[in-house]
Amino acid sequence: MAVFPLPKIPKWGYHKGSGKRWFGAARDGGRNHAACDLIARPGTPVLAVDHGTYLYRTSFYLGTDELVVDHGHFLVRYGEVDRDKRVKDLTRGKPVKPGDVIGYVGKLKMLHFEMYQ
């Protein structure tokens, strides 16, 4: 059973009408926002949304990282996670299950959540 990527569903930031944080919101240069930004306090645990395999971690945006997990029938980029606070046993190829802590919200006070088929 899939879970939400944060311990608590935020009231602001991910739906149309709440600023430019929702999927598809217009961005500079004619592009659209490719994610839902889920507002949360820095240090909030980021949870794997389903069973899958941890692929990698890389630099993302303004001093944050992204975690990429292949969940089998979809892929997730968990962006804007804390660069310094890491889950020690999370290594490339490690299986994850729904609700596993895979990272922590970073200094930008949100999780940038992208899903791909």
C-alpha atoms as a PDB file:
ATOM      1  CA  MET A   1       0.000   0.000   0.000  1.00  0.00           C
ATOM      2  CA  ALA A   2       1.407   3.377  -1.021  1.00  0.00           C
ATOM      3  CA  VAL A   3       1.907   6.172   1.518  1.00  0.00           C
ATOM      4  CA  PHE A   4       2.238   9.959   1.360  1.00  0.00           C
ATOM      5  CA  PRO A   5       5.898  11.123   1.088  1.00  0.00           C
ATOM      6  CA  LEU A   6       5.721  13.122   4.338  1.00  0.00           C
ATOM      7  CA  PRO A   7       4.420  12.106   7.771  1.00  0.00           C
ATOM      8  CA  LYS A   8       1.668  14.749   7.497  1.00  0.00           C
ATOM      9  CA  ILE A   9      -0.211  16.138   4.470  1.00  0.00           C
ATOM     10  CA  PRO A  10       0.535  19.879   4.189  1.00  0.00           C
ATOM     11  CA  LYS A  11      -2.370  22.304   3.932  1.00  0.00           C
ATOM     12  CA  TRP A  12      -0.553  24.632   1.539  1.00  0.00           C
ATOM     13  CA  GLY A  13       1.679  24.373  -1.455  1.00  0.00           C
ATOM     14  CA  TYR A  14       0.716  21.451  -3.632  1.00  0.00           C
ATOM     15  CA  HIS A  15      -2.612  22.310  -5.199  1.00  0.00           C
ATOM     16  CA  LYS A  16      -3.672  24.843  -7.809  1.00  0.00           C
ATOM     17  CA  GLY A  17      -4.354  28.220  -6.262  1.00  0.00           C
ATOM     18  CA  SER A  18      -1.631  27.969  -3.597  1.00  0.00           C
ATOM     19  CA  GLY A  19       1.073  29.937  -5.339  1.00  0.00           C
ATOM     20  CA  LYS A  20       3.285  28.386  -8.004  1.00  0.00           C
ATOM     21  CA  ARG A  21       4.043  25.151  -6.124  1.00  0.00           C
ATOM     22  CA  TRP A  22       1.593  22.849  -7.923  1.00  0.00           C
ATOM     23  CA  PHE A  23       2.282  20.510 -10.829  1.00  0.00           C
ATOM     24  CA  GLY A  24       2.042  22.352 -14.145  1.00  0.00           C
ATOM     25  CA  ALA A  25       2.358  25.892 -12.725  1.00  0.00           C
ATOM     26  CA  ALA A  26       3.914  28.314 -15.238  1.00  0.00           C
ATOM     27  CA  ARG A  27       7.627  29.018 -14.780  1.00  0.00           C
ATOM     28  CA  ASP A  28      10.024  31.471 -16.408  1.00  0.00           C
ATOM     29  CA  GLY A  29      11.107  30.663 -19.946  1.00  0.00           C
ATOM     30  CA  GLY A  30       7.807  29.053 -20.918  1.00  0.00           C
ATOM     31  CA  ARG A  31       8.342  25.868 -18.936  1.00  0.00           C
ATOM     32  CA  ASN A  32       5.973  24.322 -16.395  1.00  0.00           C
ATOM     33  CA  HIS A  33       6.646  23.097 -12.871  1.00  0.00           C
ATOM     34  CA  ALA A  34       7.321  19.350 -13.029  1.00  0.00           C
ATOM     35  CA  ALA A  35       6.400  18.576  -9.426  1.00  0.00           C
ATOM     36  CA  CYS A  36       4.227  19.253  -6.436  1.00  0.00           C
ATOM     37  CA  ASP A  37       6.078  21.171  -3.735  1.00  0.00           C
ATOM     38  CA  LEU A  38       5.034  19.845  -0.344  1.00  0.00           C
ATOM     39  CA  ILE A  39       5.658  22.447   2.357  1.00  0.00           C
ATOM     40  CA  ALA A  40       7.289  21.056   5.513  1.00  0.00           C
ATOM     41  CA  ARG A  41       9.747  22.068   8.206  1.00  0.00           C
ATOM     42  CA  PRO A  42      13.424  21.385   7.566  1.00  0.00           C
ATOM     43  CA  GLY A  43      14.343  18.029   9.067  1.00  0.00           C
ATOM     44  CA  THR A  44      10.920  16.483   8.422  1.00  0.00           C
ATOM     45  CA  PRO A  45      11.410  12.845   7.340  1.00  0.00           C
ATOM     46  CA  VAL A  46      10.905  12.067   3.649  1.00  0.00           C
ATOM     47  CA  LEU A  47       9.189   8.698   3.179  1.00  0.00           C
ATOM     48  CA  ALA A  48       9.350   6.199   0.331  1.00  0.00           C
ATOM     49  CA  VAL A  49       5.850   6.154  -1.133  1.00  0.00           C
ATOM     50  CA  ASP A  50       5.881   2.515  -2.229  1.00  0.00           C
ATOM     51  CA  HIS A  51       8.081  -0.553  -2.572  1.00  0.00           C
ATOM     52  CA  GLY A  52      11.069   0.106  -4.774  1.00  0.00           C
ATOM     53  CA  THR A  53      14.815   0.347  -5.253  1.00  0.00           C
ATOM     54  CA  TYR A  54      16.930   3.330  -4.265  1.00  0.00           C
ATOM     55  CA  LEU A  55      18.879   4.420  -7.358  1.00  0.00           C
ATOM     56  CA  TYR A  56      20.983   7.468  -6.443  1.00  0.00           C
ATOM     57  CA  ARG A  57      21.423  10.821  -4.752  1.00  0.00           C
ATOM     58  CA  THR A  58      22.737  13.909  -6.551  1.00  0.00           C
ATOM     59  CA  SER A  59      22.920  17.681  -6.224  1.00  0.00           C
ATOM     60  CA  PHE A  60      19.593  19.358  -6.939  1.00  0.00           C
ATOM     61  CA  TYR A  61      18.832  23.027  -6.280  1.00  0.00           C
ATOM     62  CA  LEU A  62      20.265  25.788  -4.058  1.00  0.00           C
ATOM     63  CA  GLY A  63      22.344  23.525  -1.848  1.00  0.00           C
ATOM     64  CA  THR A  64      19.874  20.641  -1.645  1.00  0.00           C
ATOM     65  CA  ASP A  65      19.934  17.108  -3.083  1.00  0.00           C
ATOM     66  CA  GLU A  66      17.512  14.838  -4.867  1.00  0.00           C
ATOM     67  CA  LEU A  67      16.916  11.146  -4.205  1.00  0.00           C
ATOM     68  CA  VAL A  68      15.727   8.942  -7.042  1.00  0.00           C
ATOM     69  CA  VAL A  69      13.777   5.750  -6.358  1.00  0.00           C
ATOM     70  CA  ASP A  70      12.477   3.262  -8.910  1.00  0.00           C
ATOM     71  CA  HIS A  71       9.144   2.079  -7.551  1.00  0.00           C
ATOM     72  CA  GLY A  72       8.650  -0.453 -10.350  1.00  0.00           C
ATOM     73  CA  HIS A  73       5.596   0.967 -12.082  1.00  0.00           C
ATOM     74  CA  PHE A  74       6.786   4.571 -11.572  1.00  0.00           C
ATOM     75  CA  LEU A  75       9.932   6.536 -10.717  1.00  0.00           C
ATOM     76  CA  VAL A  76      10.108   9.327  -8.123  1.00  0.00           C
ATOM     77  CA  ARG A  77      12.514  12.236  -7.806  1.00  0.00           C
ATOM     78  CA  TYR A  78      12.389  13.398  -4.193  1.00  0.00           C
ATOM     79  CA  GLY A  79      13.983  16.860  -4.491  1.00  0.00           C
ATOM     80  CA  GLU A  80      15.161  19.627  -2.188  1.00  0.00           C
ATOM     81  CA  VAL A  81      16.207  17.172   0.520  1.00  0.00           C
ATOM     82  CA  ASP A  82      18.796  18.058   3.148  1.00  0.00           C
ATOM     83  CA  ARG A  83      22.276  17.627   1.724  1.00  0.00           C
ATOM     84  CA  ASP A  84      23.935  17.014   5.101  1.00  0.00           C
ATOM     85  CA  LYS A  85      21.393  14.898   6.983  1.00  0.00           C
ATOM     86  CA  ARG A  86      21.456  11.424   5.436  1.00  0.00           C
ATOM     87  CA  VAL A  87      20.038   7.990   6.158  1.00  0.00           C
ATOM     88  CA  LYS A  88      23.191   5.958   6.891  1.00  0.00           C
ATOM     89  CA  ASP A  89      22.180   2.597   5.432  1.00  0.00           C
ATOM     90  CA  LEU A  90      20.580   3.961   2.245  1.00  0.00           C
ATOM     91  CA  THR A  91      22.867   2.783  -0.554  1.00  0.00           C
ATOM     92  CA  ARG A  92      22.499   2.318  -4.311  1.00  0.00           C
ATOM     93  CA  GLY A  93      20.345  -0.705  -5.106  1.00  0.00           C
ATOM     94  CA  LYS A  94      18.851  -0.961  -1.607  1.00  0.00           C
ATOM     95  CA  PRO A  95      15.198  -2.031  -1.527  1.00  0.00           C
ATOM     96  CA  VAL A  96      12.791   0.361   0.192  1.00  0.00           C
ATOM     97  CA  LYS A  97       9.254  -0.182   1.368  1.00  0.00           C
ATOM     98  CA  PRO A  98       6.347   2.226   1.910  1.00  0.00           C
ATOM     99  CA  GLY A  99       7.039   4.518   4.851  1.00  0.00           C
ATOM    100  CA  ASP A 100      10.822   3.948   5.001  1.00  0.00           C
ATOM    101  CA  VAL A 101      12.672   7.166   5.838  1.00  0.00           C
ATOM    102  CA  ILE A 102      14.917   7.912   2.865  1.00  0.00           C
ATOM    103  CA  GLY A 103      15.886  11.521   3.621  1.00  0.00           C
ATOM    104  CA  TYR A 104      14.881  14.764   5.301  1.00  0.00           C
ATOM    105  CA  VAL A 105      13.355  18.027   4.077  1.00  0.00           C
ATOM    106  CA  GLY A 106      16.103  20.554   3.402  1.00  0.00           C
ATOM    107  CA  LYS A 107      16.601  24.257   3.994  1.00  0.00           C
ATOM    108  CA  LEU A 108      14.095  25.294   1.305  1.00  0.00           C
ATOM    109  CA  LYS A 109      11.265  24.096   3.584  1.00  0.00           C
ATOM    110  CA  MET A 110       9.602  21.803   1.068  1.00  0.00           C
ATOM    111  CA  LEU A 111       9.821  18.463  -0.682  1.00  0.00           C
ATOM    112  CA  HIS A 112       9.861  18.783  -4.478  1.00  0.00           C
ATOM    113  CA  PHE A 113       7.964  15.616  -5.457  1.00  0.00           C
ATOM    114  CA  GLU A 114       8.105  14.405  -9.089  1.00  0.00           C
ATOM    115  CA  MET A 115       6.616  11.147 -10.384  1.00  0.00           C
ATOM    116  CA  TYR A 116       7.238   9.551 -13.790  1.00  0.00           C
ATOM    117  CA  GLN A 117       5.817   6.492 -15.520  1.00  0.00           C
END
